[in-house]
């Protein structure tokens, strides 16, 4: 059990990895043109990463599981908070993917 947990942590990498920053940057460009004030999907998607509230909540659950600071939905237009929530959401997706498929998602 301990070996599996260590493998998972090592495989996913840190939340602030270069890989996560690259993914988040690409998402921001595609989703909002890198505009932290963007509002889309009839007001349901907000910020650079066009996050919906359920994704924000998933990111907060991931942050809490790591002992990191959670962020209120009222902070959704703060660029620094948006970035942290995007990175946390990417980590949460990687963790779910690894748990379900035994590997990380790839671009190929």
C-alpha atoms as a PDB file:
ATOM      1  CA  UNK A   1       0.000   0.000   0.000  1.00  0.00           C
ATOM      2  CA  UNK A   2       2.748   2.489   0.902  1.00  0.00           C
ATOM      3  CA  UNK A   3       4.595   1.677  -2.313  1.00  0.00           C
ATOM      4  CA  UNK A   4       1.475   2.421  -4.363  1.00  0.00           C
ATOM      5  CA  UNK A   5       0.916   5.758  -2.644  1.00  0.00           C
ATOM      6  CA  UNK A   6       4.534   6.815  -3.170  1.00  0.00           C
ATOM      7  CA  UNK A   7       4.386   5.760  -6.811  1.00  0.00           C
ATOM      8  CA  UNK A   8       1.239   7.808  -7.342  1.00  0.00           C
ATOM      9  CA  UNK A   9       2.698  10.922  -5.734  1.00  0.00           C
ATOM     10  CA  UNK A  10       5.915  10.568  -7.730  1.00  0.00           C
ATOM     11  CA  UNK A  11       4.081   9.866 -10.983  1.00  0.00           C
ATOM     12  CA  UNK A  12       1.670  12.796 -10.736  1.00  0.00           C
ATOM     13  CA  UNK A  13       4.357  15.233  -9.651  1.00  0.00           C
ATOM     14  CA  UNK A  14       3.927  18.486  -7.740  1.00  0.00           C
ATOM     15  CA  UNK A  15       0.961  20.766  -8.295  1.00  0.00           C
ATOM     16  CA  UNK A  16       3.313  23.527  -9.526  1.00  0.00           C
ATOM     17  CA  UNK A  17       5.098  21.361 -12.088  1.00  0.00           C
ATOM     18  CA  UNK A  18       6.123  22.828 -15.433  1.00  0.00           C
ATOM     19  CA  UNK A  19       3.801  20.320 -17.105  1.00  0.00           C
ATOM     20  CA  UNK A  20       0.800  21.649 -15.168  1.00  0.00           C
ATOM     21  CA  UNK A  21       1.747  25.255 -15.945  1.00  0.00           C
ATOM     22  CA  UNK A  22       1.970  24.409 -19.663  1.00  0.00           C
ATOM     23  CA  UNK A  23      -1.425  22.714 -19.610  1.00  0.00           C
ATOM     24  CA  UNK A  24      -3.000  25.599 -17.671  1.00  0.00           C
ATOM     25  CA  UNK A  25      -1.461  28.194 -19.995  1.00  0.00           C
ATOM     26  CA  UNK A  26      -2.797  26.376 -23.055  1.00  0.00           C
ATOM     27  CA  UNK A  27      -6.262  26.111 -21.514  1.00  0.00           C
ATOM     28  CA  UNK A  28      -6.247  29.839 -20.682  1.00  0.00           C
ATOM     29  CA  UNK A  29      -5.359  30.799 -24.251  1.00  0.00           C
ATOM     30  CA  UNK A  30      -7.994  28.557 -25.808  1.00  0.00           C
ATOM     31  CA  UNK A  31     -10.795  29.198 -23.320  1.00  0.00           C
ATOM     32  CA  UNK A  32     -10.566  32.947 -22.731  1.00  0.00           C
ATOM     33  CA  UNK A  33      -7.728  34.420 -24.757  1.00  0.00           C
ATOM     34  CA  UNK A  34      -5.935  34.608 -21.381  1.00  0.00           C
ATOM     35  CA  UNK A  35      -8.528  37.050 -19.992  1.00  0.00           C
ATOM     36  CA  UNK A  36      -9.008  36.628 -16.235  1.00  0.00           C
ATOM     37  CA  UNK A  37     -12.271  38.592 -16.402  1.00  0.00           C
ATOM     38  CA  UNK A  38     -13.861  36.425 -19.108  1.00  0.00           C
ATOM     39  CA  UNK A  39     -17.371  35.111 -18.572  1.00  0.00           C
ATOM     40  CA  UNK A  40     -18.773  32.384 -20.798  1.00  0.00           C
ATOM     41  CA  UNK A  41     -21.346  29.633 -21.069  1.00  0.00           C
ATOM     42  CA  UNK A  42     -24.209  31.994 -20.166  1.00  0.00           C
ATOM     43  CA  UNK A  43     -22.397  33.170 -17.021  1.00  0.00           C
ATOM     44  CA  UNK A  44     -21.522  29.693 -15.735  1.00  0.00           C
ATOM     45  CA  UNK A  45     -17.831  29.669 -16.795  1.00  0.00           C
ATOM     46  CA  UNK A  46     -15.495  32.318 -15.413  1.00  0.00           C
ATOM     47  CA  UNK A  47     -11.940  33.548 -15.659  1.00  0.00           C
ATOM     48  CA  UNK A  48      -8.877  32.629 -17.681  1.00  0.00           C
ATOM     49  CA  UNK A  49      -9.636  28.921 -17.481  1.00  0.00           C
ATOM     50  CA  UNK A  50     -13.432  29.212 -17.857  1.00  0.00           C
ATOM     51  CA  UNK A  51     -14.031  27.130 -14.751  1.00  0.00           C
ATOM     52  CA  UNK A  52     -17.513  26.133 -13.744  1.00  0.00           C
ATOM     53  CA  UNK A  53     -18.398  26.016 -10.061  1.00  0.00           C
ATOM     54  CA  UNK A  54     -18.368  22.164  -9.861  1.00  0.00           C
ATOM     55  CA  UNK A  55     -14.785  22.157 -11.235  1.00  0.00           C
ATOM     56  CA  UNK A  56     -13.876  24.828  -8.655  1.00  0.00           C
ATOM     57  CA  UNK A  57     -15.291  22.578  -5.933  1.00  0.00           C
ATOM     58  CA  UNK A  58     -13.299  19.589  -7.263  1.00  0.00           C
ATOM     59  CA  UNK A  59     -10.147  21.723  -7.171  1.00  0.00           C
ATOM     60  CA  UNK A  60     -10.923  22.735  -3.581  1.00  0.00           C
ATOM     61  CA  UNK A  61     -11.374  19.088  -2.576  1.00  0.00           C
ATOM     62  CA  UNK A  62      -7.967  18.322  -4.080  1.00  0.00           C
ATOM     63  CA  UNK A  63      -6.361  21.275  -2.268  1.00  0.00           C
ATOM     64  CA  UNK A  64      -7.913  20.187   1.016  1.00  0.00           C
ATOM     65  CA  UNK A  65      -6.677  16.609   0.514  1.00  0.00           C
ATOM     66  CA  UNK A  66      -3.155  18.021   0.209  1.00  0.00           C
ATOM     67  CA  UNK A  67      -3.470  20.288   3.248  1.00  0.00           C
ATOM     68  CA  UNK A  68      -3.455  23.395   1.056  1.00  0.00           C
ATOM     69  CA  UNK A  69      -5.569  26.549   1.295  1.00  0.00           C
ATOM     70  CA  UNK A  70      -9.048  26.321  -0.225  1.00  0.00           C
ATOM     71  CA  UNK A  71     -10.495  29.272  -2.148  1.00  0.00           C
ATOM     72  CA  UNK A  72     -14.004  30.683  -2.054  1.00  0.00           C
ATOM     73  CA  UNK A  73     -16.049  31.074  -5.247  1.00  0.00           C
ATOM     74  CA  UNK A  74     -16.114  34.804  -4.394  1.00  0.00           C
ATOM     75  CA  UNK A  75     -12.376  34.874  -5.311  1.00  0.00           C
ATOM     76  CA  UNK A  76     -13.072  33.567  -8.820  1.00  0.00           C
ATOM     77  CA  UNK A  77     -11.844  36.715 -10.613  1.00  0.00           C
ATOM     78  CA  UNK A  78      -8.518  36.929  -8.751  1.00  0.00           C
ATOM     79  CA  UNK A  79      -5.840  35.928 -11.318  1.00  0.00           C
ATOM     80  CA  UNK A  80      -3.581  34.235  -8.755  1.00  0.00           C
ATOM     81  CA  UNK A  81      -6.457  32.257  -7.279  1.00  0.00           C
ATOM     82  CA  UNK A  82      -7.625  31.268 -10.759  1.00  0.00           C
ATOM     83  CA  UNK A  83      -4.188  29.884 -11.525  1.00  0.00           C
ATOM     84  CA  UNK A  84      -4.031  27.889  -8.278  1.00  0.00           C
ATOM     85  CA  UNK A  85      -7.493  26.457  -8.893  1.00  0.00           C
ATOM     86  CA  UNK A  86      -6.600  25.491 -12.460  1.00  0.00           C
ATOM     87  CA  UNK A  87      -3.422  23.753 -11.292  1.00  0.00           C
ATOM     88  CA  UNK A  88      -5.360  21.963  -8.546  1.00  0.00           C
ATOM     89  CA  UNK A  89      -8.025  20.867 -11.015  1.00  0.00           C
ATOM     90  CA  UNK A  90      -5.382  19.521 -13.395  1.00  0.00           C
ATOM     91  CA  UNK A  91      -3.869  17.560 -10.488  1.00  0.00           C
ATOM     92  CA  UNK A  92      -7.303  16.230  -9.512  1.00  0.00           C
ATOM     93  CA  UNK A  93      -7.908  15.044 -13.083  1.00  0.00           C
ATOM     94  CA  UNK A  94      -4.489  13.383 -13.209  1.00  0.00           C
ATOM     95  CA  UNK A  95      -5.188  11.635  -9.898  1.00  0.00           C
ATOM     96  CA  UNK A  96      -8.612  10.392 -11.091  1.00  0.00           C
ATOM     97  CA  UNK A  97      -7.171   9.227 -14.402  1.00  0.00           C
ATOM     98  CA  UNK A  98      -4.311   7.402 -12.704  1.00  0.00           C
ATOM     99  CA  UNK A  99      -6.701   5.751 -10.263  1.00  0.00           C
ATOM    100  CA  UNK A 100      -9.076   4.640 -13.042  1.00  0.00           C
ATOM    101  CA  UNK A 101      -6.609   3.651 -15.763  1.00  0.00           C
ATOM    102  CA  UNK A 102      -3.318   3.056 -13.968  1.00  0.00           C
ATOM    103  CA  UNK A 103      -1.550   5.710 -16.023  1.00  0.00           C
ATOM    104  CA  UNK A 104      -1.561   9.453 -16.652  1.00  0.00           C
ATOM    105  CA  UNK A 105      -3.301  10.988 -19.663  1.00  0.00           C
ATOM    106  CA  UNK A 106      -1.074  11.755 -22.632  1.00  0.00           C
ATOM    107  CA  UNK A 107      -1.370  13.970 -25.677  1.00  0.00           C
ATOM    108  CA  UNK A 108      -0.909  11.014 -28.009  1.00  0.00           C
END
